[in-house]
PDB file of N, CA and C in Angstrom:
ATOM      1  N   MET A   1       0.780  -1.175   0.003  1.00  0.00           N
ATOM      2  CA  MET A   1       0.037   0.015  -0.070  1.00  0.00           C
ATOM      3  C   MET A   1       0.928   1.240  -0.007  1.00  0.00           C
ATOM      4  N   GLN A   2       0.420   2.278  -0.728  1.00  0.00           N
ATOM      5  CA  GLN A   2       1.130   3.473  -0.778  1.00  0.00           C
ATOM      6  C   GLN A   2       0.159   4.676  -0.624  1.00  0.00           C
ATOM      7  N   PHE A   3       0.760   5.900  -0.280  1.00  0.00           N
ATOM      8  CA  PHE A   3      -0.032   7.052  -0.142  1.00  0.00           C
ATOM      9  C   PHE A   3      -1.107   7.193  -1.234  1.00  0.00           C
ATOM     10  N   LYS A   4      -0.675   6.967  -2.503  1.00  0.00           N
ATOM     11  CA  LYS A   4      -1.561   7.288  -3.620  1.00  0.00           C
ATOM     12  C   LYS A   4      -2.803   6.316  -3.640  1.00  0.00           C
ATOM     13  N   ASP A   5      -2.686   5.218  -2.903  1.00  0.00           N
ATOM     14  CA  ASP A   5      -3.758   4.285  -2.746  1.00  0.00           C
ATOM     15  C   ASP A   5      -4.877   4.625  -1.681  1.00  0.00           C
ATOM     16  N   LEU A   6      -4.618   5.660  -0.843  1.00  0.00           N
ATOM     17  CA  LEU A   6      -5.431   6.121   0.126  1.00  0.00           C
ATOM     18  C   LEU A   6      -6.734   6.729  -0.349  1.00  0.00           C
ATOM     19  N   LYS A   7      -7.900   6.367   0.241  1.00  0.00           N
ATOM     20  CA  LYS A   7      -9.156   7.015  -0.070  1.00  0.00           C
ATOM     21  C   LYS A   7      -9.547   7.904   1.056  1.00  0.00           C
ATOM     22  N   PHE A   8      -9.456   9.322   0.767  1.00  0.00           N
ATOM     23  CA  PHE A   8      -9.810  10.375   1.764  1.00  0.00           C
ATOM     24  C   PHE A   8     -11.298  10.684   1.741  1.00  0.00           C
ATOM     25  N   LYS A   9     -11.757  10.983   2.817  1.00  0.00           N
ATOM     26  CA  LYS A   9     -13.162  11.357   3.003  1.00  0.00           C
ATOM     27  C   LYS A   9     -13.139  12.666   3.466  1.00  0.00           C
ATOM     28  N   ILE A  10     -14.258  13.573   3.213  1.00  0.00           N
ATOM     29  CA  ILE A  10     -14.355  14.902   3.656  1.00  0.00           C
ATOM     30  C   ILE A  10     -14.930  14.925   5.028  1.00  0.00           C
ATOM     31  N   HIS A  11     -14.384  15.580   5.986  1.00  0.00           N
ATOM     32  CA  HIS A  11     -14.911  15.686   7.327  1.00  0.00           C
ATOM     33  C   HIS A  11     -16.093  16.628   7.386  1.00  0.00           C
ATOM     34  N   PRO A  12     -17.151  16.356   8.146  1.00  0.00           N
ATOM     35  CA  PRO A  12     -18.292  17.256   8.259  1.00  0.00           C
ATOM     36  C   PRO A  12     -17.887  18.653   8.713  1.00  0.00           C
ATOM     37  N   GLU A  13     -16.798  18.835   9.535  1.00  0.00           N
ATOM     38  CA  GLU A  13     -16.378  20.168   9.993  1.00  0.00           C
ATOM     39  C   GLU A  13     -15.265  20.690   9.077  1.00  0.00           C
ATOM     40  N   GLY A  14     -14.979  20.048   7.990  1.00  0.00           N
ATOM     41  CA  GLY A  14     -14.001  20.467   6.999  1.00  0.00           C
ATOM     42  C   GLY A  14     -12.723  19.639   7.050  1.00  0.00           C
ATOM     43  N   GLY A  15     -11.863  19.771   6.065  1.00  0.00           N
ATOM     44  CA  GLY A  15     -10.717  18.924   6.066  1.00  0.00           C
ATOM     45  C   GLY A  15     -11.020  17.585   5.499  1.00  0.00           C
ATOM     46  N   VAL A  16      -9.984  16.748   5.465  1.00  0.00           N
ATOM     47  CA  VAL A  16     -10.140  15.365   4.908  1.00  0.00           C
ATOM     48  C   VAL A  16      -9.325  14.452   5.766  1.00  0.00           C
ATOM     49  N   GLY A  17      -9.651  13.113   5.671  1.00  0.00           N
ATOM     50  CA  GLY A  17      -9.008  12.166   6.481  1.00  0.00           C
ATOM     51  C   GLY A  17      -9.316  10.703   6.010  1.00  0.00           C
ATOM     52  N   THR A  18      -8.516   9.864   6.561  1.00  0.00           N
ATOM     53  CA  THR A  18      -8.650   8.448   6.204  1.00  0.00           C
ATOM     54  C   THR A  18      -8.002   7.659   7.310  1.00  0.00           C
ATOM     55  N   HIS A  19      -8.472   6.471   7.460  1.00  0.00           N
ATOM     56  CA  HIS A  19      -7.923   5.447   8.534  1.00  0.00           C
ATOM     57  C   HIS A  19      -7.533   4.166   7.655  1.00  0.00           C
ATOM     58  N   VAL A  20      -6.427   3.676   8.076  1.00  0.00           N
ATOM     59  CA  VAL A  20      -5.993   2.318   7.491  1.00  0.00           C
ATOM     60  C   VAL A  20      -5.766   1.487   8.578  1.00  0.00           C
ATOM     61  N   GLN A  21      -6.468   0.247   8.593  1.00  0.00           N
ATOM     62  CA  GLN A  21      -6.248  -0.782   9.618  1.00  0.00           C
ATOM     63  C   GLN A  21      -5.276  -1.818   9.184  1.00  0.00           C
ATOM     64  N   PHE A  22      -4.358  -2.134  10.016  1.00  0.00           N
ATOM     65  CA  PHE A  22      -3.452  -3.296   9.905  1.00  0.00           C
ATOM     66  C   PHE A  22      -3.795  -4.258  10.945  1.00  0.00           C
ATOM     67  N   GLU A  23      -2.919  -5.287  10.965  1.00  0.00           N
ATOM     68  CA  GLU A  23      -3.249  -6.444  11.856  1.00  0.00           C
ATOM     69  C   GLU A  23      -3.193  -5.903  13.370  1.00  0.00           C
ATOM     70  N   ASN A  24      -2.189  -5.080  13.707  1.00  0.00           N
ATOM     71  CA  ASN A  24      -1.998  -4.766  15.109  1.00  0.00           C
ATOM     72  C   ASN A  24      -2.303  -3.232  15.440  1.00  0.00           C
ATOM     73  N   VAL A  25      -2.330  -2.443  14.301  1.00  0.00           N
ATOM     74  CA  VAL A  25      -2.549  -0.983  14.606  1.00  0.00           C
ATOM     75  C   VAL A  25      -3.470  -0.335  13.489  1.00  0.00           C
ATOM     76  N   THR A  26      -3.974   0.761  13.830  1.00  0.00           N
ATOM     77  CA  THR A  26      -4.604   1.628  12.941  1.00  0.00           C
ATOM     78  C   THR A  26      -3.937   2.841  12.693  1.00  0.00           C
ATOM     79  N   VAL A  27      -3.865   3.437  11.430  1.00  0.00           N
ATOM     80  CA  VAL A  27      -3.141   4.645  11.094  1.00  0.00           C
ATOM     81  C   VAL A  27      -4.334   5.651  10.707  1.00  0.00           C
ATOM     82  N   SER A  28      -4.272   6.804  11.373  1.00  0.00           N
ATOM     83  CA  SER A  28      -5.105   7.874  10.960  1.00  0.00           C
ATOM     84  C   SER A  28      -4.257   8.943  10.300  1.00  0.00           C
ATOM     85  N   ILE A  29      -4.770   9.397   9.182  1.00  0.00           N
ATOM     86  CA  ILE A  29      -4.043  10.517   8.485  1.00  0.00           C
ATOM     87  C   ILE A  29      -5.086  11.595   8.107  1.00  0.00           C
ATOM     88  N   GLN A  30      -4.847  12.740   8.613  1.00  0.00           N
ATOM     89  CA  GLN A  30      -5.891  13.882   8.552  1.00  0.00           C
ATOM     90  C   GLN A  30      -5.219  15.157   8.102  1.00  0.00           C
ATOM     91  N   ALA A  31      -5.959  16.060   7.510  1.00  0.00           N
ATOM     92  CA  ALA A  31      -5.582  17.356   7.008  1.00  0.00           C
ATOM     93  C   ALA A  31      -6.709  18.363   6.998  1.00  0.00           C
ATOM     94  N   GLY A  32      -6.348  19.513   7.256  1.00  0.00           N
ATOM     95  CA  GLY A  32      -7.327  20.630   7.329  1.00  0.00           C
ATOM     96  C   GLY A  32      -7.042  21.760   8.409  1.00  0.00           C
ATOM     97  N   ARG A  33      -7.919  22.670   8.580  1.00  0.00           N
ATOM     98  CA  ARG A  33      -7.545  23.846   9.408  1.00  0.00           C
ATOM     99  C   ARG A  33      -7.492  23.391  10.917  1.00  0.00           C
ATOM    100  N   LEU A  34      -8.078  22.142  11.242  1.00  0.00           N
ATOM    101  CA  LEU A  34      -7.930  21.720  12.743  1.00  0.00           C
ATOM    102  C   LEU A  34      -6.815  20.722  12.922  1.00  0.00           C
ATOM    103  N   TYR A  35      -5.994  20.559  11.884  1.00  0.00           N
ATOM    104  CA  TYR A  35      -4.935  19.526  11.979  1.00  0.00           C
ATOM    105  C   TYR A  35      -3.569  20.035  11.632  1.00  0.00           C
ATOM    106  N   TYR A  36      -2.569  19.372  12.022  1.00  0.00           N
ATOM    107  CA  TYR A  36      -1.189  19.792  11.811  1.00  0.00           C
ATOM    108  C   TYR A  36      -0.866  19.405  10.411  1.00  0.00           C
ATOM    109  N   SER A  37      -1.305  20.230   9.477  1.00  0.00           N
ATOM    110  CA  SER A  37      -1.062  19.911   7.978  1.00  0.00           C
ATOM    111  C   SER A  37      -0.599  21.172   7.211  1.00  0.00           C
ATOM    112  N   ILE A  38      -0.190  20.864   6.021  1.00  0.00           N
ATOM    113  CA  ILE A  38       0.128  22.029   5.229  1.00  0.00           C
ATOM    114  C   ILE A  38      -0.579  21.782   3.863  1.00  0.00           C
ATOM    115  N   PRO A  39      -1.459  22.718   3.493  1.00  0.00           N
ATOM    116  CA  PRO A  39      -1.938  23.932   4.095  1.00  0.00           C
ATOM    117  C   PRO A  39      -2.893  23.550   5.285  1.00  0.00           C
ATOM    118  N   ARG A  40      -3.106  24.517   6.132  1.00  0.00           N
ATOM    119  CA  ARG A  40      -4.193  24.297   7.197  1.00  0.00           C
ATOM    120  C   ARG A  40      -5.406  24.987   6.643  1.00  0.00           C
ATOM    121  N   MET A  41      -6.029  24.336   5.782  1.00  0.00           N
ATOM    122  CA  MET A  41      -7.249  24.825   5.114  1.00  0.00           C
ATOM    123  C   MET A  41      -8.239  23.750   4.903  1.00  0.00           C
ATOM    124  N   ASP A  42      -9.522  24.157   4.842  1.00  0.00           N
ATOM    125  CA  ASP A  42     -10.590  23.142   4.560  1.00  0.00           C
ATOM    126  C   ASP A  42     -11.085  23.429   3.173  1.00  0.00           C
ATOM    127  N   ASN A  43     -11.948  22.457   2.713  1.00  0.00           N
ATOM    128  CA  ASN A  43     -12.610  22.590   1.499  1.00  0.00           C
ATOM    129  C   ASN A  43     -11.663  22.596   0.235  1.00  0.00           C
ATOM    130  N   ILE A  44     -10.628  21.837   0.267  1.00  0.00           N
ATOM    131  CA  ILE A  44      -9.730  21.561  -0.769  1.00  0.00           C
ATOM    132  C   ILE A  44      -9.525  20.087  -0.968  1.00  0.00           C
ATOM    133  N   ASP A  45      -9.115  19.602  -2.061  1.00  0.00           N
ATOM    134  CA  ASP A  45      -8.939  18.258  -2.434  1.00  0.00           C
ATOM    135  C   ASP A  45      -7.709  17.656  -1.614  1.00  0.00           C
ATOM    136  N   SER A  46      -7.749  16.377  -1.315  1.00  0.00           N
ATOM    137  CA  SER A  46      -6.633  15.766  -0.544  1.00  0.00           C
ATOM    138  C   SER A  46      -5.241  15.928  -1.352  1.00  0.00           C
ATOM    139  N   THR A  47      -5.302  15.997  -2.690  1.00  0.00           N
ATOM    140  CA  THR A  47      -4.022  16.130  -3.338  1.00  0.00           C
ATOM    141  C   THR A  47      -3.393  17.453  -3.189  1.00  0.00           C
ATOM    142  N   GLN A  48      -4.067  18.393  -2.734  1.00  0.00           N
ATOM    143  CA  GLN A  48      -3.493  19.718  -2.488  1.00  0.00           C
ATOM    144  C   GLN A  48      -2.749  19.858  -1.217  1.00  0.00           C
ATOM    145  N   TYR A  49      -2.789  18.958  -0.351  1.00  0.00           N
ATOM    146  CA  TYR A  49      -2.035  18.936   0.925  1.00  0.00           C
ATOM    147  C   TYR A  49      -0.614  18.301   0.647  1.00  0.00           C
ATOM    148  N   SER A  50       0.237  18.915   1.328  1.00  0.00           N
ATOM    149  CA  SER A  50       1.688  18.338   1.099  1.00  0.00           C
ATOM    150  C   SER A  50       2.215  17.644   2.354  1.00  0.00           C
ATOM    151  N   LYS A  51       1.503  18.054   3.585  1.00  0.00           N
ATOM    152  CA  LYS A  51       1.853  17.472   4.844  1.00  0.00           C
ATOM    153  C   LYS A  51       0.592  17.219   5.669  1.00  0.00           C
ATOM    154  N   PHE A  52       0.614  16.159   6.528  1.00  0.00           N
ATOM    155  CA  PHE A  52      -0.604  15.641   7.218  1.00  0.00           C
ATOM    156  C   PHE A  52      -0.307  15.376   8.722  1.00  0.00           C
ATOM    157  N   GLU A  53      -1.396  15.263   9.480  1.00  0.00           N
ATOM    158  CA  GLU A  53      -1.196  14.955  10.772  1.00  0.00           C
ATOM    159  C   GLU A  53      -1.594  13.403  10.904  1.00  0.00           C
ATOM    160  N   VAL A  54      -0.633  12.577  11.519  1.00  0.00           N
ATOM    161  CA  VAL A  54      -0.745  11.158  11.431  1.00  0.00           C
ATOM    162  C   VAL A  54      -0.720  10.685  12.990  1.00  0.00           C
ATOM    163  N   ALA A  55      -1.554   9.719  13.207  1.00  0.00           N
ATOM    164  CA  ALA A  55      -1.651   9.045  14.535  1.00  0.00           C
ATOM    165  C   ALA A  55      -1.715   7.494  14.315  1.00  0.00           C
ATOM    166  N   VAL A  56      -1.039   6.801  15.229  1.00  0.00           N
ATOM    167  CA  VAL A  56      -1.000   5.314  15.127  1.00  0.00           C
ATOM    168  C   VAL A  56      -1.491   4.818  16.490  1.00  0.00           C
ATOM    169  N   TRP A  57      -2.397   3.897  16.547  1.00  0.00           N
ATOM    170  CA  TRP A  57      -2.940   3.340  17.768  1.00  0.00           C
ATOM    171  C   TRP A  57      -2.977   1.756  17.670  1.00  0.00           C
ATOM    172  N   GLU A  58      -2.869   1.117  18.770  1.00  0.00           N
ATOM    173  CA  GLU A  58      -3.102  -0.326  18.831  1.00  0.00           C
ATOM    174  C   GLU A  58      -4.540  -0.666  18.609  1.00  0.00           C
ATOM    175  N   ASN A  59      -4.833  -1.814  17.964  1.00  0.00           N
ATOM    176  CA  ASN A  59      -6.139  -2.244  17.750  1.00  0.00           C
ATOM    177  C   ASN A  59      -6.740  -2.963  18.890  1.00  0.00           C
ATOM    178  N   ASN A  60      -5.986  -3.401  19.822  1.00  0.00           N
ATOM    179  CA  ASN A  60      -6.420  -4.470  20.884  1.00  0.00           C
ATOM    180  C   ASN A  60      -7.197  -3.735  22.008  1.00  0.00           C
ATOM    181  N   ASN A  61      -7.308  -2.491  22.065  1.00  0.00           N
ATOM    182  CA  ASN A  61      -8.060  -1.829  23.220  1.00  0.00           C
ATOM    183  C   ASN A  61      -9.283  -1.155  22.733  1.00  0.00           C
ATOM    184  N   LYS A  62     -10.359  -1.740  22.929  1.00  0.00           N
ATOM    185  CA  LYS A  62     -11.736  -1.262  22.469  1.00  0.00           C
ATOM    186  C   LYS A  62     -12.158  -0.033  23.003  1.00  0.00           C
ATOM    187  N   ARG A  63     -11.883   0.241  24.222  1.00  0.00           N
ATOM    188  CA  ARG A  63     -12.399   1.559  24.964  1.00  0.00           C
ATOM    189  C   ARG A  63     -11.699   2.776  24.783  1.00  0.00           C
ATOM    190  N   LYS A  64     -10.336   2.673  24.588  1.00  0.00           N
ATOM    191  CA  LYS A  64      -9.539   3.905  24.524  1.00  0.00           C
ATOM    192  C   LYS A  64      -8.381   3.618  23.656  1.00  0.00           C
ATOM    193  N   HIS A  65      -7.980   4.544  22.784  1.00  0.00           N
ATOM    194  CA  HIS A  65      -6.899   4.313  21.943  1.00  0.00           C
ATOM    195  C   HIS A  65      -5.641   4.418  22.751  1.00  0.00           C
ATOM    196  N   ARG A  66      -4.770   3.360  22.439  1.00  0.00           N
ATOM    197  CA  ARG A  66      -3.420   3.440  23.066  1.00  0.00           C
ATOM    198  C   ARG A  66      -2.532   3.892  21.898  1.00  0.00           C
ATOM    199  N   TYR A  67      -2.039   5.024  21.959  1.00  0.00           N
ATOM    200  CA  TYR A  67      -1.334   5.599  20.865  1.00  0.00           C
ATOM    201  C   TYR A  67       0.098   5.125  20.874  1.00  0.00           C
ATOM    202  N   VAL A  68       0.584   4.644  19.781  1.00  0.00           N
ATOM    203  CA  VAL A  68       2.035   4.207  19.604  1.00  0.00           C
ATOM    204  C   VAL A  68       2.632   4.942  18.493  1.00  0.00           C
ATOM    205  N   THR A  69       2.211   6.116  18.150  1.00  0.00           N
ATOM    206  CA  THR A  69       2.839   6.868  17.078  1.00  0.00           C
ATOM    207  C   THR A  69       4.253   7.048  17.250  1.00  0.00           C
ATOM    208  N   HIS A  70       4.743   7.208  18.414  1.00  0.00           N
ATOM    209  CA  HIS A  70       6.151   7.420  18.692  1.00  0.00           C
ATOM    210  C   HIS A  70       7.061   6.189  18.255  1.00  0.00           C
ATOM    211  N   LYS A  71       6.502   5.062  18.147  1.00  0.00           N
ATOM    212  CA  LYS A  71       7.220   3.867  17.769  1.00  0.00           C
ATOM    213  C   LYS A  71       7.429   3.945  16.201  1.00  0.00           C
ATOM    214  N   TYR A  72       6.751   4.688  15.448  1.00  0.00           N
ATOM    215  CA  TYR A  72       6.808   4.675  14.073  1.00  0.00           C
ATOM    216  C   TYR A  72       7.319   5.931  13.432  1.00  0.00           C
ATOM    217  N   LEU A  73       7.027   7.018  14.089  1.00  0.00           N
ATOM    218  CA  LEU A  73       7.349   8.362  13.587  1.00  0.00           C
ATOM    219  C   LEU A  73       8.178   9.198  14.629  1.00  0.00           C
ATOM    220  N   ASP A  74       8.809  10.200  14.258  1.00  0.00           N
ATOM    221  CA  ASP A  74       9.653  10.997  15.194  1.00  0.00           C
ATOM    222  C   ASP A  74       8.770  12.062  15.839  1.00  0.00           C
ATOM    223  N   THR A  75       8.171  11.608  17.003  1.00  0.00           N
ATOM    224  CA  THR A  75       7.238  12.417  17.828  1.00  0.00           C
ATOM    225  C   THR A  75       7.273  11.848  19.270  1.00  0.00           C
ATOM    226  N   GLU A  76       6.934  12.700  20.219  1.00  0.00           N
ATOM    227  CA  GLU A  76       6.797  12.294  21.627  1.00  0.00           C
ATOM    228  C   GLU A  76       5.240  12.374  21.996  1.00  0.00           C
ATOM    229  N   ASP A  77       4.462  13.000  21.027  1.00  0.00           N
ATOM    230  CA  ASP A  77       3.088  13.097  21.250  1.00  0.00           C
ATOM    231  C   ASP A  77       2.262  11.964  20.593  1.00  0.00           C
ATOM    232  N   MET A  78       0.878  12.065  20.756  1.00  0.00           N
ATOM    233  CA  MET A  78       0.013  11.052  20.313  1.00  0.00           C
ATOM    234  C   MET A  78      -0.013  11.174  18.769  1.00  0.00           C
ATOM    235  N   VAL A  79       0.226  12.379  18.227  1.00  0.00           N
ATOM    236  CA  VAL A  79       0.178  12.519  16.752  1.00  0.00           C
ATOM    237  C   VAL A  79       1.509  13.037  16.314  1.00  0.00           C
ATOM    238  N   ALA A  80       1.697  12.847  15.052  1.00  0.00           N
ATOM    239  CA  ALA A  80       2.993  13.480  14.386  1.00  0.00           C
ATOM    240  C   ALA A  80       2.390  14.494  13.372  1.00  0.00           C
ATOM    241  N   GLY A  81       2.728  15.742  13.573  1.00  0.00           N
ATOM    242  CA  GLY A  81       2.298  16.674  12.643  1.00  0.00           C
ATOM    243  C   GLY A  81       3.164  16.970  11.492  1.00  0.00           C
ATOM    244  N   TRP A  82       2.682  17.585  10.508  1.00  0.00           N
ATOM    245  CA  TRP A  82       3.443  17.983   9.329  1.00  0.00           C
ATOM    246  C   TRP A  82       4.258  16.811   8.755  1.00  0.00           C
ATOM    247  N   THR A  83       3.495  15.633   8.626  1.00  0.00           N
ATOM    248  CA  THR A  83       4.143  14.434   8.039  1.00  0.00           C
ATOM    249  C   THR A  83       3.972  14.388   6.601  1.00  0.00           C
ATOM    250  N   SER A  84       5.159  14.193   5.853  1.00  0.00           N
ATOM    251  CA  SER A  84       5.145  14.377   4.380  1.00  0.00           C
ATOM    252  C   SER A  84       4.607  12.996   3.888  1.00  0.00           C
ATOM    253  N   LYS A  85       4.255  13.059   2.537  1.00  0.00           N
ATOM    254  CA  LYS A  85       3.712  11.905   1.831  1.00  0.00           C
ATOM    255  C   LYS A  85       4.829  10.791   1.760  1.00  0.00           C
ATOM    256  N   GLU A  86       6.067  11.219   1.589  1.00  0.00           N
ATOM    257  CA  GLU A  86       7.188  10.191   1.605  1.00  0.00           C
ATOM    258  C   GLU A  86       7.256   9.471   2.979  1.00  0.00           C
ATOM    259  N   GLN A  87       7.100  10.244   4.171  1.00  0.00           N
ATOM    260  CA  GLN A  87       7.178   9.705   5.452  1.00  0.00           C
ATOM    261  C   GLN A  87       5.964   8.652   5.547  1.00  0.00           C
ATOM    262  N   ILE A  88       4.755   9.072   5.116  1.00  0.00           N
ATOM    263  CA  ILE A  88       3.628   8.185   5.187  1.00  0.00           C
ATOM    264  C   ILE A  88       3.881   6.968   4.374  1.00  0.00           C
ATOM    265  N   ASN A  89       4.484   7.040   3.087  1.00  0.00           N
ATOM    266  CA  ASN A  89       4.702   5.891   2.323  1.00  0.00           C
ATOM    267  C   ASN A  89       5.658   4.922   3.040  1.00  0.00           C
ATOM    268  N   LYS A  90       6.698   5.398   3.811  1.00  0.00           N
ATOM    269  CA  LYS A  90       7.574   4.541   4.552  1.00  0.00           C
ATOM    270  C   LYS A  90       6.865   3.889   5.630  1.00  0.00           C
ATOM    271  N   LEU A  91       5.973   4.510   6.373  1.00  0.00           N
ATOM    272  CA  LEU A  91       5.144   4.069   7.439  1.00  0.00           C
ATOM    273  C   LEU A  91       4.227   2.887   6.867  1.00  0.00           C
ATOM    274  N   LEU A  92       3.559   3.164   5.789  1.00  0.00           N
ATOM    275  CA  LEU A  92       2.629   2.167   5.241  1.00  0.00           C
ATOM    276  C   LEU A  92       3.443   0.998   4.844  1.00  0.00           C
ATOM    277  N   LYS A  93       4.623   1.040   4.307  1.00  0.00           N
ATOM    278  CA  LYS A  93       5.476  -0.022   3.822  1.00  0.00           C
ATOM    279  C   LYS A  93       5.812  -0.844   5.016  1.00  0.00           C
ATOM    280  N   THR A  94       6.294  -0.189   6.140  1.00  0.00           N
ATOM    281  CA  THR A  94       6.732  -0.869   7.353  1.00  0.00           C
ATOM    282  C   THR A  94       5.593  -1.664   7.963  1.00  0.00           C
ATOM    283  N   LEU A  95       4.322  -1.080   7.978  1.00  0.00           N
ATOM    284  CA  LEU A  95       3.258  -1.740   8.577  1.00  0.00           C
ATOM    285  C   LEU A  95       2.694  -2.911   7.630  1.00  0.00           C
ATOM    286  N   SER A  96       3.010  -2.825   6.415  1.00  0.00           N
ATOM    287  CA  SER A  96       2.415  -3.900   5.497  1.00  0.00           C
ATOM    288  C   SER A  96       3.248  -5.116   5.506  1.00  0.00           C
ATOM    289  N   LYS A  97       4.306  -5.060   6.176  1.00  0.00           N
ATOM    290  CA  LYS A  97       5.220  -6.312   6.237  1.00  0.00           C
ATOM    291  C   LYS A  97       4.737  -7.266   7.105  1.00  0.00           C
TER     292      LYS A  97
END
């Protein structure tokens, strides 16, 4: 799987996003004025964003997300802001193995 294969949906409050579920984790990729993305704008096509907000959480906890973003991307937070398409491709490749 690569970034170009992702199917983004429009958020009701603006922006775009998608989730990709793997065996052990789910990846959330979001962009818009409420997210750490470039540009921070709503009502534009997903192809117009160059950087995205990304979060990774474990699938085994049904009640609360256990974020493990720091295991895959350079961040100490629950999300990694301003993540490039190239970084997302590397993440998807790693998780697809």
